[in-house]
């Protein structure tokens, strides 16, 4: 059950900061300090109980036209590729919680949190604090050289959570922030998108082989060929991994193959795909590519491969690989753009009890409100100058506030996140057990759940019916090399057991129809 909480801007940002914002804002606008103080001190309910009841009451209306459709919407000016994938009916008119009303006027369930980022659903009441911040005059616009109080507060909060420190334990946090030990995540770079966060980690690993700028000293592994280990698909290729859309990280997944082949032939870099959950294969790759002319630059992986059927890496596999990397001075980058915030620990890597050198976060932390991603790293890997990972808009204050709001809600609802995730996994595994003619197995972790079908036609038919006839939005993943065709779900954290039961019952009806 979701637990409500009430917080004000003052509660989140602190009295001294709010006092100075009020003084500054009053001097510019002429508004009274009393009026501004009332805005700062207004307690906002993050998820009132009546909202939970209201959302559950809407469930029988799923798929029904409850608003007039938008008939004359803009045609836009998209590229051929984007227009070819466009679904006008899903473009939102409004939304609330786990529901969206699209341009077709129908009530739809956001079964994959729009595109995996709406951790708190639509129009989350807690984000009203962002509106209050704007009323107060807090500006969103800063720069790397002028990171605001909220962004710096957030940086410390991310370090606190990543290191398992309780709220308010300033002494423990101070000790972590001073640490120069390996595997202690105590540095944060604020970036705009998940792609840039992944690219920053890639560059920090690459900086141990190549100079970022000509006046730098020769790196530790200068002259060696850097080898990047990524997750392999079931065809021994590289399609299982996905770490953004920059050229370098796209090459890690087999794109730009002519450019990659040129770089590999020149000994500039190499990418090696390692089999999923295969410890022997990983050990073999380390033995082969961490010697001689080669040096493994880093092991890059997700914990739940949401771009490859939602496969979850085994705990003992992750522990084995990370331990071997530690023994060979191989940095580990855990890409949590997809999984962060959907864990009761807020970072899924905490459930694996591992200590990576890089962790990327985004999507879920700002709740889809802003494209705000971060890379967390350690003192030993802090090797780029400011321009090495520079972005102009990566540290907006209101984006940081969205993070801080979501963190407070998620920490307050750890038990709900844990139990609702387990509930959905039980539902998916029951469906897989009951419909073995169609489904080979259930996969994923918590609300990041998938069903593997025996063939692509079945997966497409299932998802098409679920989306078009029942308006529960899920994705069919059928285009990856040798990956069992999958139906992917990622419900927002505010979903109820009643909604998940409705979704599972609907899936049961569709599967039963398909078996006739």
Protein backbone atom coordinates (compact mmCIF):
# COMPACT_ATOMS: atom_id res chain seq x y z
CA UNK A 1 0.00 0.00 0.00
CA UNK A 2 1.30 3.43 -0.94
CA UNK A 3 2.09 5.64 2.05
CA UNK A 4 1.32 9.32 1.72
CA UNK A 5 3.62 12.06 3.01
CA UNK A 6 3.39 15.82 3.21
CA UNK A 7 6.40 18.02 2.53
CA UNK A 8 7.10 21.64 1.72
CA UNK A 9 9.90 23.26 -0.23
CA UNK A 10 11.38 24.31 3.09
CA UNK A 11 11.38 20.68 4.24
CA UNK A 12 13.33 19.60 1.17
CA UNK A 13 15.66 22.54 0.57
CA UNK A 14 16.31 23.77 4.11
CA UNK A 15 15.46 26.96 6.01
CA UNK A 16 18.56 28.99 5.24
CA UNK A 17 18.34 28.50 1.48
CA UNK A 18 14.61 29.26 1.42
CA UNK A 19 15.11 32.38 3.56
CA UNK A 20 17.66 33.76 1.11
CA UNK A 21 15.52 32.86 -1.92
CA UNK A 22 12.61 34.75 -0.38
CA UNK A 23 14.74 37.82 0.36
CA UNK A 24 16.19 37.83 -3.15
CA UNK A 25 12.84 37.22 -4.83
CA UNK A 26 11.10 39.92 -2.77
CA UNK A 27 13.77 42.44 -3.71
CA UNK A 28 13.26 41.73 -7.41
CA UNK A 29 9.48 41.41 -7.55
CA UNK A 30 8.25 43.58 -4.69
CA UNK A 31 6.14 40.72 -3.37
CA UNK A 32 5.84 40.43 0.39
CA UNK A 33 8.06 38.05 2.29
CA UNK A 34 4.99 36.72 4.09
CA UNK A 35 3.35 35.69 0.81
CA UNK A 36 6.51 34.00 -0.42
CA UNK A 37 7.04 32.25 2.92
CA UNK A 38 3.53 30.79 2.72
CA UNK A 39 4.36 29.31 -0.69
CA UNK A 40 7.64 27.86 0.61
CA UNK A 41 5.99 26.37 3.69
CA UNK A 42 2.91 24.93 1.97
CA UNK A 43 2.71 21.22 2.73
CA UNK A 44 1.94 19.20 -0.40
CA UNK A 45 0.44 15.73 -0.17
CA UNK A 46 2.49 13.44 -2.38
CA UNK A 47 -0.11 10.70 -2.88
CA UNK A 48 -3.29 11.21 -0.86
CA UNK A 49 -5.37 8.08 -0.10
CA UNK A 50 -8.31 9.42 -2.09
CA UNK A 51 -6.13 9.43 -5.21
CA UNK A 52 -5.42 5.72 -4.80
CA UNK A 53 -9.14 5.04 -4.47
CA UNK A 54 -9.95 7.25 -7.44
CA UNK A 55 -7.46 5.51 -9.70
CA UNK A 56 -8.80 2.08 -8.76
CA UNK A 57 -12.35 3.29 -9.47
CA UNK A 58 -11.23 4.22 -12.99
CA UNK A 59 -10.07 0.68 -13.79
CA UNK A 60 -13.39 -0.51 -15.33
CA UNK A 61 -13.20 2.48 -17.70
CA UNK A 62 -9.97 1.23 -19.26
CA UNK A 63 -10.23 1.28 -23.04
CA UNK A 64 -13.40 3.35 -23.09
CA UNK A 65 -13.78 6.71 -24.78
CA UNK A 66 -14.26 9.10 -21.88
CA UNK A 67 -13.31 12.32 -23.62
CA UNK A 68 -13.85 13.76 -27.08
CA UNK A 69 -11.04 12.77 -29.46
CA UNK A 70 -8.73 15.39 -30.91
CA UNK A 71 -9.45 15.28 -34.63
CA UNK A 72 -7.42 18.24 -35.92
CA UNK A 73 -4.08 17.77 -34.18
CA UNK A 74 -0.85 18.99 -35.71
CA UNK A 75 0.82 16.78 -38.30
CA UNK A 76 4.25 17.89 -37.09
CA UNK A 77 7.41 17.77 -39.18
CA UNK A 78 9.08 14.53 -38.15
CA UNK A 79 11.60 12.48 -40.05
CA UNK A 80 10.46 9.48 -42.05
CA UNK A 81 11.70 7.06 -39.40
CA UNK A 82 9.99 8.82 -36.51
CA UNK A 83 6.74 9.39 -38.39
CA UNK A 84 6.73 5.73 -39.41
CA UNK A 85 6.76 4.69 -35.74
CA UNK A 86 4.31 7.37 -34.56
CA UNK A 87 1.00 6.44 -32.88
CA UNK A 88 -1.14 9.57 -32.77
CA UNK A 89 -3.77 7.91 -30.58
CA UNK A 90 -1.23 7.55 -27.76
CA UNK A 91 -0.15 11.19 -27.79
CA UNK A 92 -1.37 12.44 -24.39
CA UNK A 93 -4.14 14.93 -23.76
CA UNK A 94 -3.79 14.38 -20.05
CA UNK A 95 -3.03 11.66 -17.53
CA UNK A 96 -3.26 10.75 -13.89
CA UNK A 97 -1.34 8.08 -12.04
CA UNK A 98 -1.16 4.94 -14.18
CA UNK A 99 -3.71 6.25 -16.69
CA UNK A 100 -3.36 8.33 -19.84
CA UNK A 101 -6.05 9.83 -22.05
CA UNK A 102 -4.66 10.05 -25.54
CA UNK A 103 -5.76 11.98 -28.60
CA UNK A 104 -8.29 9.21 -29.27
CA UNK A 105 -10.07 10.19 -26.04
CA UNK A 106 -9.73 6.72 -24.55
CA UNK A 107 -8.54 5.73 -21.11
CA UNK A 108 -5.28 3.79 -21.44
CA UNK A 109 -3.02 2.13 -18.86
CA UNK A 110 0.65 3.13 -19.07
CA UNK A 111 1.93 -0.42 -18.76
CA UNK A 112 5.48 0.60 -19.59
CA UNK A 113 5.44 3.98 -17.80
CA UNK A 114 5.20 5.74 -21.15
CA UNK A 115 8.75 5.06 -22.36
CA UNK A 116 10.04 3.60 -19.09
CA UNK A 117 10.44 6.94 -17.29
CA UNK A 118 7.17 7.83 -15.51
CA UNK A 119 8.11 6.28 -12.18
CA UNK A 120 5.36 8.16 -10.34
CA UNK A 121 2.87 8.10 -13.18
CA UNK A 122 1.19 11.15 -14.67
CA UNK A 123 0.54 14.40 -12.77
CA UNK A 124 2.08 13.11 -9.55
CA UNK A 125 0.83 15.48 -6.80
CA UNK A 126 4.26 15.69 -5.18
CA UNK A 127 5.57 17.52 -8.23
CA UNK A 128 3.33 20.47 -7.30
CA UNK A 129 6.37 21.52 -5.28
CA UNK A 130 8.06 22.28 -8.61
CA UNK A 131 5.24 24.74 -9.36
CA UNK A 132 5.70 26.27 -5.93
CA UNK A 133 9.41 26.63 -6.59
CA UNK A 134 8.64 28.52 -9.79
CA UNK A 135 6.17 30.75 -7.90
CA UNK A 136 8.90 31.43 -5.40
CA UNK A 137 11.18 32.57 -8.20
CA UNK A 138 13.64 29.67 -8.13
CA UNK A 139 15.18 29.62 -11.57
CA UNK A 140 15.90 26.47 -13.51
CA UNK A 141 18.75 27.93 -15.51
CA UNK A 142 22.30 27.40 -14.27
CA UNK A 143 25.63 26.23 -15.67
CA UNK A 144 28.41 23.86 -14.69
CA UNK A 145 30.22 26.79 -13.10
CA UNK A 146 27.17 27.89 -11.10
CA UNK A 147 25.49 24.68 -9.95
CA UNK A 148 22.72 25.69 -7.59
CA UNK A 149 22.00 24.66 -4.04
CA UNK A 150 19.34 22.12 -5.06
CA UNK A 151 21.67 20.41 -7.52
CA UNK A 152 24.49 20.24 -4.98
CA UNK A 153 22.04 18.95 -2.38
CA UNK A 154 20.97 16.27 -4.83
CA UNK A 155 24.55 15.23 -5.54
CA UNK A 156 25.02 14.51 -1.85
CA UNK A 157 21.71 12.65 -1.67
CA UNK A 158 22.69 10.37 -4.56
CA UNK A 159 26.01 9.60 -2.88
CA UNK A 160 24.19 8.93 0.40
CA UNK A 161 21.75 6.48 -1.18
CA UNK A 162 24.38 4.75 -3.31
CA UNK A 163 26.45 4.08 -0.20
CA UNK A 164 23.56 2.92 1.98
CA UNK A 165 23.72 5.82 4.43
CA UNK A 166 20.61 6.65 6.45
CA UNK A 167 18.99 10.07 5.99
CA UNK A 168 20.50 12.61 8.39
CA UNK A 169 23.73 10.71 9.05
CA UNK A 170 25.95 13.62 8.04
CA UNK A 171 29.03 12.19 9.72
CA UNK A 172 28.95 8.99 7.66
CA UNK A 173 28.25 10.96 4.49
CA UNK A 174 31.16 13.30 5.15
CA UNK A 175 33.51 10.33 5.52
CA UNK A 176 32.30 8.80 2.25
CA UNK A 177 32.70 12.09 0.39
CA UNK A 178 36.35 12.33 1.52
CA UNK A 179 37.20 8.77 0.51
CA UNK A 180 39.74 8.16 -2.23
CA UNK A 181 39.30 4.38 -2.13
CA UNK A 182 38.25 2.32 -5.15
CA UNK A 183 34.59 1.41 -5.59
CA UNK A 184 33.33 4.22 -3.34
CA UNK A 185 30.80 6.18 -5.38
CA UNK A 186 31.27 9.76 -4.25
CA UNK A 187 31.49 11.86 -7.42
CA UNK A 188 28.51 13.00 -9.54
CA UNK A 189 28.48 14.54 -13.01
CA UNK A 190 25.18 16.14 -13.96
CA UNK A 191 24.21 15.46 -17.56
CA UNK A 192 21.17 15.89 -19.74
CA UNK A 193 20.27 12.43 -21.02
CA UNK A 194 21.08 8.81 -20.30
CA UNK A 195 23.11 8.66 -23.50
CA UNK A 196 25.43 11.40 -22.24
CA UNK A 197 25.73 9.74 -18.83
CA UNK A 198 26.83 6.50 -20.48
CA UNK A 199 29.16 8.38 -22.80
CA UNK A 200 30.80 10.08 -19.80
CA UNK A 201 31.55 6.72 -18.19
CA UNK A 202 32.92 5.43 -21.50
CA UNK A 203 35.20 8.47 -21.78
CA UNK A 204 36.53 8.06 -18.24
CA UNK A 205 37.42 4.44 -19.02
CA UNK A 206 38.97 5.49 -22.32
CA UNK A 207 41.00 8.21 -20.57
CA UNK A 208 43.18 5.52 -19.01
CA UNK A 209 44.44 4.76 -22.55
CA UNK A 210 44.32 8.04 -24.46
CA UNK A 211 44.99 11.65 -23.53
CA UNK A 212 41.89 13.78 -23.41
CA UNK A 213 44.04 16.81 -24.32
CA UNK A 214 47.53 17.05 -25.68
CA UNK A 215 49.10 18.62 -22.58
CA UNK A 216 47.95 15.76 -20.30
CA UNK A 217 50.46 13.22 -19.01
CA UNK A 218 50.54 9.81 -20.67
CA UNK A 219 47.72 7.65 -19.23
CA UNK A 220 48.39 4.51 -17.22
CA UNK A 221 47.66 2.15 -20.10
CA UNK A 222 48.93 4.28 -22.95
CA UNK A 223 49.93 2.12 -25.93
CA UNK A 224 47.56 -0.72 -25.04
CA UNK A 225 44.42 -1.49 -27.03
CA UNK A 226 41.38 -0.83 -24.80
CA UNK A 227 38.85 -3.66 -24.82
CA UNK A 228 35.27 -3.08 -23.68
CA UNK A 229 33.21 -6.03 -22.45
CA UNK A 230 29.45 -5.88 -23.06
CA UNK A 231 26.60 -8.35 -22.86
CA UNK A 232 26.26 -10.65 -25.87
CA UNK A 233 23.05 -11.61 -27.59
CA UNK A 234 22.15 -15.26 -28.08
CA UNK A 235 23.75 -15.17 -31.52
CA UNK A 236 27.16 -14.29 -30.03
CA UNK A 237 26.69 -10.74 -31.32
CA UNK A 238 26.34 -7.39 -29.59
CA UNK A 239 22.64 -6.61 -29.88
CA UNK A 240 21.80 -7.43 -26.26
CA UNK A 241 23.51 -4.35 -24.87
CA UNK A 242 22.21 -0.79 -25.10
CA UNK A 243 23.96 2.17 -23.52
CA UNK A 244 22.76 5.21 -25.36
CA UNK A 245 22.76 6.79 -28.78
CA UNK A 246 26.20 8.40 -29.09
CA UNK A 247 28.44 7.05 -31.84
CA UNK A 248 30.88 5.33 -29.50
CA UNK A 249 28.25 3.52 -27.42
CA UNK A 250 26.31 2.58 -30.56
CA UNK A 251 29.45 0.89 -31.83
CA UNK A 252 29.39 -1.24 -28.67
CA UNK A 253 26.08 -2.71 -29.87
CA UNK A 254 27.24 -3.44 -33.40
CA UNK A 255 26.20 -0.24 -35.14
CA UNK A 256 28.53 1.84 -37.36
CA UNK A 257 30.31 -1.42 -38.15
CA UNK A 258 32.50 0.03 -40.90
CA UNK A 259 33.80 2.74 -38.59
CA UNK A 260 34.23 0.23 -35.78
CA UNK A 261 36.11 -2.22 -38.02
CA UNK A 262 38.47 0.56 -39.05
CA UNK A 263 39.19 1.45 -35.43
CA UNK A 264 39.61 -2.19 -34.41
CA UNK A 265 41.95 -2.91 -37.34
CA UNK A 266 44.09 0.04 -36.30
CA UNK A 267 44.30 -1.27 -32.73
CA UNK A 268 42.46 1.82 -31.45
CA UNK A 269 39.83 -0.10 -29.49
CA UNK A 270 37.97 -3.38 -29.38
CA UNK A 271 34.56 -4.49 -28.14
CA UNK A 272 33.99 -8.06 -26.97
CA UNK A 273 30.56 -9.47 -26.19
CA UNK A 274 30.33 -11.93 -23.28
CA UNK A 275 27.51 -14.45 -22.91
CA UNK A 276 24.68 -13.65 -20.52
CA UNK A 277 25.04 -15.29 -17.09
CA UNK A 278 28.01 -17.42 -18.26
CA UNK A 279 30.82 -17.16 -15.72
CA UNK A 280 33.20 -19.37 -17.66
CA UNK A 281 32.79 -17.24 -20.78
CA UNK A 282 33.49 -14.10 -18.80
CA UNK A 283 36.60 -15.58 -17.20
CA UNK A 284 37.78 -16.68 -20.65
CA UNK A 285 37.35 -13.18 -22.04
CA UNK A 286 39.36 -11.69 -19.18
CA UNK A 287 42.13 -14.24 -19.67
CA UNK A 288 42.29 -13.52 -23.40
CA UNK A 289 41.89 -9.76 -23.49
CA UNK A 290 43.57 -8.59 -20.30
CA UNK A 291 47.07 -9.49 -21.40
CA UNK A 292 49.68 -8.68 -24.03
CA UNK A 293 48.72 -5.83 -26.34
CA UNK A 294 45.20 -5.79 -24.94
CA UNK A 295 43.90 -4.35 -21.68
CA UNK A 296 40.24 -4.53 -20.68
CA UNK A 297 39.09 -0.94 -20.35
CA UNK A 298 35.81 -1.76 -18.66
CA UNK A 299 32.87 -4.10 -18.20
CA UNK A 300 29.63 -2.34 -19.13
CA UNK A 301 26.25 -3.87 -18.34
CA UNK A 302 22.68 -3.41 -17.21
CA UNK A 303 21.22 -5.58 -14.47
CA UNK A 304 17.91 -6.08 -16.29
CA UNK A 305 18.39 -6.08 -20.06
CA UNK A 306 15.25 -4.14 -20.96
CA UNK A 307 16.44 -3.84 -24.54
CA UNK A 308 16.91 -7.60 -24.73
CA UNK A 309 13.77 -9.20 -23.40
CA UNK A 310 14.09 -7.94 -19.84
CA UNK A 311 16.55 -10.71 -18.94
CA UNK A 312 17.83 -10.34 -15.38
CA UNK A 313 21.48 -11.02 -14.65
CA UNK A 314 21.99 -13.65 -11.95
CA UNK A 315 23.29 -12.39 -8.61
CA UNK A 316 26.13 -14.90 -8.47
CA UNK A 317 27.14 -14.07 -12.05
CA UNK A 318 27.38 -10.37 -11.24
CA UNK A 319 29.33 -11.08 -8.04
CA UNK A 320 31.75 -13.36 -9.89
CA UNK A 321 32.35 -10.89 -12.73
CA UNK A 322 32.79 -7.90 -10.46
CA UNK A 323 35.25 -9.78 -8.25
CA UNK A 324 37.30 -10.83 -11.26
CA UNK A 325 37.28 -7.25 -12.55
CA UNK A 326 38.51 -6.00 -9.18
CA UNK A 327 41.41 -8.45 -9.29
CA UNK A 328 42.40 -7.26 -12.79
CA UNK A 329 41.91 -3.49 -12.37
CA UNK A 330 38.92 -3.51 -14.72
CA UNK A 331 36.41 -0.72 -14.02
CA UNK A 332 32.78 -1.82 -13.89
CA UNK A 333 29.98 0.37 -15.19
CA UNK A 334 26.45 -0.57 -14.12
CA UNK A 335 23.96 1.20 -16.36
CA UNK A 336 20.88 1.87 -14.22
CA UNK A 337 19.09 4.28 -16.54
CA UNK A 338 16.29 1.72 -16.81
CA UNK A 339 16.32 0.08 -13.39
CA UNK A 340 16.97 2.97 -11.00
CA UNK A 341 14.01 3.93 -8.80
CA UNK A 342 12.14 0.69 -9.57
CA UNK A 343 14.12 -1.01 -6.80
CA UNK A 344 13.20 -0.67 -3.15
CA UNK A 345 16.85 0.34 -2.70
CA UNK A 346 16.36 3.03 -5.41
CA UNK A 347 19.51 1.59 -7.05
CA UNK A 348 19.12 -2.02 -8.15
CA UNK A 349 22.86 -2.64 -7.81
CA UNK A 350 22.39 -2.37 -4.03
CA UNK A 351 20.27 -5.53 -4.13
CA UNK A 352 23.20 -7.32 -5.79
CA UNK A 353 25.53 -6.12 -3.02
CA UNK A 354 28.13 -5.12 -5.59
CA UNK A 355 30.44 -2.10 -5.69
CA UNK A 356 30.77 -0.78 -9.24
CA UNK A 357 33.02 2.07 -10.34
CA UNK A 358 30.32 3.80 -12.37
CA UNK A 359 26.54 3.93 -12.08
CA UNK A 360 24.32 5.88 -14.45
CA UNK A 361 20.89 7.09 -13.33
CA UNK A 362 18.03 8.88 -15.05
CA UNK A 363 14.48 8.35 -16.30
CA UNK A 364 12.90 7.20 -13.02
CA UNK A 365 14.63 9.62 -10.65
CA UNK A 366 13.16 12.80 -12.21
CA UNK A 367 9.94 10.90 -12.95
CA UNK A 368 9.97 11.82 -16.62
CA UNK A 369 9.58 15.50 -15.73
CA UNK A 370 13.01 16.47 -17.08
CA UNK A 371 15.71 14.80 -19.22
CA UNK A 372 18.14 14.79 -16.31
CA UNK A 373 20.65 11.96 -15.98
CA UNK A 374 23.77 11.55 -13.87
CA UNK A 375 26.88 9.44 -13.74
CA UNK A 376 28.17 8.46 -10.31
CA UNK A 377 31.81 7.47 -10.06
CA UNK A 378 34.76 7.18 -7.68
CA UNK A 379 37.77 9.30 -6.82
CA UNK A 380 40.22 7.01 -8.71
CA UNK A 381 38.09 7.28 -11.87
CA UNK A 382 37.64 11.06 -11.59
CA UNK A 383 40.00 11.71 -14.50
CA UNK A 384 38.22 14.12 -16.87
CA UNK A 385 38.57 17.86 -16.75
CA UNK A 386 35.44 20.01 -16.87
CA UNK A 387 35.29 20.04 -20.65
CA UNK A 388 35.63 16.26 -20.86
CA UNK A 389 32.00 15.74 -19.84
CA UNK A 390 30.62 19.24 -20.27
CA UNK A 391 26.94 19.94 -20.94
CA UNK A 392 25.29 23.32 -20.66
CA UNK A 393 21.93 22.28 -19.22
CA UNK A 394 22.73 19.24 -17.13
CA UNK A 395 22.23 20.80 -13.72
CA UNK A 396 18.90 22.60 -13.86
CA UNK A 397 17.58 23.39 -10.40
CA UNK A 398 13.99 22.33 -11.03
CA UNK A 399 15.19 19.03 -12.50
CA UNK A 400 17.20 18.47 -9.34
CA UNK A 401 14.11 19.28 -7.29
CA UNK A 402 12.18 16.61 -9.24
CA UNK A 403 14.89 14.12 -8.21
CA UNK A 404 14.69 15.17 -4.56
CA UNK A 405 10.89 14.85 -4.53
CA UNK A 406 10.97 11.39 -6.11
CA UNK A 407 13.67 10.25 -3.70
CA UNK A 408 11.59 11.29 -0.69
CA UNK A 409 8.54 9.47 -2.04
CA UNK A 410 10.45 6.31 -2.93
CA UNK A 411 12.33 6.09 0.37
CA UNK A 412 9.03 6.55 2.18
CA UNK A 413 7.52 3.71 0.12
CA UNK A 414 10.31 1.12 0.06
CA UNK A 415 7.97 -1.60 1.31
CA UNK A 416 5.35 -0.82 -1.33
CA UNK A 417 7.96 -0.91 -4.10
CA UNK A 418 9.20 -4.28 -2.85
CA UNK A 419 5.77 -5.87 -2.40
CA UNK A 420 4.17 -4.53 -5.59
CA UNK A 421 7.16 -5.73 -7.62
CA UNK A 422 6.94 -9.20 -6.10
CA UNK A 423 3.18 -9.24 -6.70
CA UNK A 424 3.64 -8.53 -10.42
CA UNK A 425 6.36 -11.15 -10.78
CA UNK A 426 4.05 -13.75 -9.24
CA UNK A 427 1.31 -12.78 -11.70
CA UNK A 428 3.65 -13.07 -14.69
CA UNK A 429 5.08 -16.41 -13.59
CA UNK A 430 1.54 -17.75 -13.06
CA UNK A 431 0.63 -16.72 -16.62
CA UNK A 432 3.75 -18.42 -17.95
CA UNK A 433 2.92 -21.59 -16.04
CA UNK A 434 -0.71 -21.63 -17.21
CA UNK A 435 0.04 -20.96 -20.89
CA UNK A 436 3.06 -23.05 -21.75
CA UNK A 437 1.80 -23.52 -25.30
CA UNK A 438 2.47 -19.83 -25.91
CA UNK A 439 4.92 -18.69 -23.25
CA UNK A 440 8.33 -20.17 -22.52
CA UNK A 441 9.00 -18.22 -19.33
CA UNK A 442 8.60 -14.98 -17.40
CA UNK A 443 11.61 -12.70 -16.96
CA UNK A 444 12.66 -9.44 -15.35
CA UNK A 445 12.75 -7.96 -11.87
CA UNK A 446 9.80 -6.49 -9.97
CA UNK A 447 7.67 -4.23 -12.13
CA UNK A 448 10.23 -4.63 -14.92
CA UNK A 449 8.55 -7.79 -16.13
CA UNK A 450 8.40 -9.65 -19.43
CA UNK A 451 6.82 -12.72 -20.98
CA UNK A 452 8.82 -14.74 -23.50
CA UNK A 453 6.74 -16.21 -26.31
CA UNK A 454 7.69 -19.18 -28.46
CA UNK A 455 7.56 -17.13 -31.66
CA UNK A 456 7.38 -13.51 -32.78
CA UNK A 457 3.90 -13.79 -34.28
CA UNK A 458 2.48 -14.78 -30.90
CA UNK A 459 4.19 -11.89 -29.11
CA UNK A 460 3.01 -9.38 -31.69
CA UNK A 461 -0.55 -10.69 -31.63
CA UNK A 462 -0.64 -10.61 -27.82
CA UNK A 463 0.69 -7.05 -27.56
CA UNK A 464 -1.48 -5.80 -30.41
CA UNK A 465 -4.62 -7.09 -28.70
CA UNK A 466 -3.53 -5.74 -25.34
CA UNK A 467 -2.84 -2.30 -26.80
CA UNK A 468 -5.52 -1.82 -29.45
CA UNK A 469 -8.43 -3.75 -27.93
CA UNK A 470 -7.82 -3.34 -24.20
CA UNK A 471 -5.65 -0.18 -24.15
CA UNK A 472 -3.01 -1.53 -21.80
CA UNK A 473 0.22 -0.17 -23.22
CA UNK A 474 3.02 -2.75 -23.45
CA UNK A 475 5.78 -3.32 -25.99
CA UNK A 476 6.54 -6.31 -28.20
CA UNK A 477 10.26 -6.87 -28.64
CA UNK A 478 10.76 -9.13 -31.63
CA UNK A 479 13.70 -7.71 -33.56
CA UNK A 480 16.74 -8.74 -31.50
CA UNK A 481 19.12 -11.49 -32.59
CA UNK A 482 17.95 -14.84 -31.26
CA UNK A 483 16.27 -13.28 -28.23
CA UNK A 484 12.95 -14.98 -27.50
CA UNK A 485 10.20 -12.58 -28.60
CA UNK A 486 8.99 -10.74 -25.55
CA UNK A 487 6.15 -8.61 -24.23
CA UNK A 488 7.67 -5.97 -21.95
CA UNK A 489 5.98 -4.22 -19.04
CA UNK A 490 7.19 -1.57 -16.62
CA UNK A 491 4.30 -0.23 -14.58
CA UNK A 492 4.82 2.98 -12.56
CA UNK A 493 5.54 2.66 -8.85
CA UNK A 494 2.12 4.08 -7.97
CA UNK A 495 0.34 1.10 -9.52
CA UNK A 496 -2.03 -0.83 -7.26
CA UNK A 497 -2.54 -4.55 -6.80
CA UNK A 498 -6.06 -4.06 -8.15
CA UNK A 499 -4.68 -2.58 -11.38
CA UNK A 500 -2.08 -5.34 -11.76
CA UNK A 501 -4.73 -7.99 -11.14
CA UNK A 502 -6.89 -6.39 -13.83
CA UNK A 503 -3.92 -6.37 -16.24
CA UNK A 504 -3.10 -10.01 -15.47
CA UNK A 505 -6.74 -11.07 -15.89
CA UNK A 506 -6.86 -9.25 -19.23
CA UNK A 507 -3.68 -11.01 -20.32
CA UNK A 508 -5.19 -14.31 -19.22
CA UNK A 509 -8.27 -13.68 -21.40
CA UNK A 510 -6.13 -12.83 -24.43
CA UNK A 511 -3.89 -15.85 -23.98
CA UNK A 512 -6.88 -18.14 -23.60
CA UNK A 513 -8.37 -16.74 -26.82
CA UNK A 514 -5.08 -17.26 -28.62
CA UNK A 515 -4.98 -20.91 -27.55
CA UNK A 516 -8.39 -21.70 -29.05
